[in-house]
Amino acid sequence: MAKLKNEAQLLKKAIEVAENYAKNRGYAEFASTDSAKDKVECIYRLLVKDKLIQPLAGDQENGVNMKHKLALWISRQLPKDHLLLK
């Protein structure tokens, strides 16, 4: 698994976009007390359920790989000339 350039910023953008997606799907907003780990896992599972991303293998489902998967997902959603992709 190769680390993406600007992966931390891509993850932050992915969480932001996915929170809006979840809200539009009818899910309640995340509470300010929800941990980043919980948000990442919830968002990952929602995107897998909606078949927007491929699920990780069962033995590879951990926080680091979920974060990387979300960063990959958003990198493919952003326009090619977006600042985070440069």
Protein backbone atom coordinates (compact mmCIF):
# COMPACT_ATOMS: atom_id res chain seq x y z
CA MET A 1 0.00 0.00 0.00
CA ALA A 2 1.71 3.14 -1.23
CA LYS A 3 1.05 6.29 0.74
CA LEU A 4 -0.70 9.00 -1.27
CA LYS A 5 0.64 12.49 -1.57
CA ASN A 6 -1.39 14.71 0.80
CA GLU A 7 -3.10 11.63 2.26
CA ALA A 8 -4.01 13.33 5.55
CA GLN A 9 -5.66 16.24 3.75
CA LEU A 10 -7.40 13.85 1.34
CA LEU A 11 -8.77 11.90 4.31
CA LYS A 12 -10.07 15.10 5.88
CA LYS A 13 -11.79 16.02 2.60
CA ALA A 14 -13.19 12.47 2.27
CA ILE A 15 -14.73 12.66 5.74
CA GLU A 16 -16.24 16.05 4.96
CA VAL A 17 -17.75 14.89 1.65
CA ALA A 18 -18.91 11.56 3.05
CA GLU A 19 -20.59 13.23 6.03
CA ASN A 20 -22.66 15.29 3.60
CA TYR A 21 -23.39 12.14 1.58
CA ALA A 22 -24.54 10.31 4.71
CA LYS A 23 -26.72 13.24 5.75
CA ASN A 24 -28.36 13.30 2.30
CA ARG A 25 -28.96 9.55 2.61
CA GLY A 26 -30.93 10.17 5.78
CA TYR A 27 -28.35 9.33 8.41
CA ALA A 28 -28.11 11.54 11.45
CA GLU A 29 -25.17 13.91 11.67
CA PHE A 30 -22.09 12.86 13.57
CA ALA A 31 -21.88 14.25 17.08
CA SER A 32 -18.97 16.47 17.97
CA THR A 33 -18.00 13.84 20.55
CA ASP A 34 -17.65 11.07 17.95
CA SER A 35 -14.04 10.04 17.51
CA ALA A 36 -12.31 10.25 14.14
CA LYS A 37 -11.83 6.47 14.28
CA ASP A 38 -15.58 5.93 14.63
CA LYS A 39 -16.34 8.38 11.81
CA VAL A 40 -13.86 6.66 9.47
CA GLU A 41 -15.30 3.21 10.19
CA CYS A 42 -18.91 4.36 9.83
CA ILE A 43 -18.21 6.20 6.58
CA TYR A 44 -16.20 3.28 5.21
CA ARG A 45 -19.02 0.83 5.95
CA LEU A 46 -21.65 3.13 4.42
CA LEU A 47 -19.64 3.53 1.21
CA VAL A 48 -19.07 -0.23 1.01
CA LYS A 49 -22.77 -0.88 1.59
CA ASP A 50 -23.68 1.56 -1.19
CA LYS A 51 -21.05 -0.08 -3.41
CA LEU A 52 -19.13 3.15 -3.90
CA ILE A 53 -15.88 1.49 -2.80
CA GLN A 54 -14.62 -2.08 -2.78
CA PRO A 55 -14.47 -3.67 0.68
CA LEU A 56 -11.13 -4.57 2.20
CA ALA A 57 -10.31 -8.20 2.83
CA GLY A 58 -11.51 -9.27 6.27
CA ASP A 59 -8.01 -9.59 7.72
CA GLN A 60 -7.08 -6.12 6.43
CA GLU A 61 -10.02 -4.22 7.93
CA ASN A 62 -8.28 -1.83 10.28
CA GLY A 63 -8.20 1.90 10.82
CA VAL A 64 -5.10 2.56 8.73
CA ASN A 65 -6.39 0.68 5.70
CA MET A 66 -9.86 2.21 6.00
CA LYS A 67 -8.33 5.70 6.08
CA HIS A 68 -6.22 4.88 3.02
CA LYS A 69 -9.27 3.52 1.20
CA LEU A 70 -11.24 6.71 1.91
CA ALA A 71 -8.32 8.85 0.71
CA LEU A 72 -8.18 6.81 -2.51
CA TRP A 73 -11.92 7.17 -2.97
CA ILE A 74 -11.90 10.95 -2.66
CA SER A 75 -8.82 11.27 -4.87
CA ARG A 76 -10.85 9.65 -7.64
CA GLN A 77 -13.84 11.92 -7.03
CA LEU A 78 -11.95 15.20 -7.16
CA PRO A 79 -11.23 16.99 -10.44
CA LYS A 80 -7.80 16.21 -11.90
CA ASP A 81 -6.59 19.77 -11.31
CA HIS A 82 -7.62 19.92 -7.63
CA LEU A 83 -4.95 21.29 -5.28
CA LEU A 84 -4.85 18.15 -3.14
CA LEU A 85 -3.89 16.03 -6.14
CA LYS A 86 -0.85 18.11 -7.07
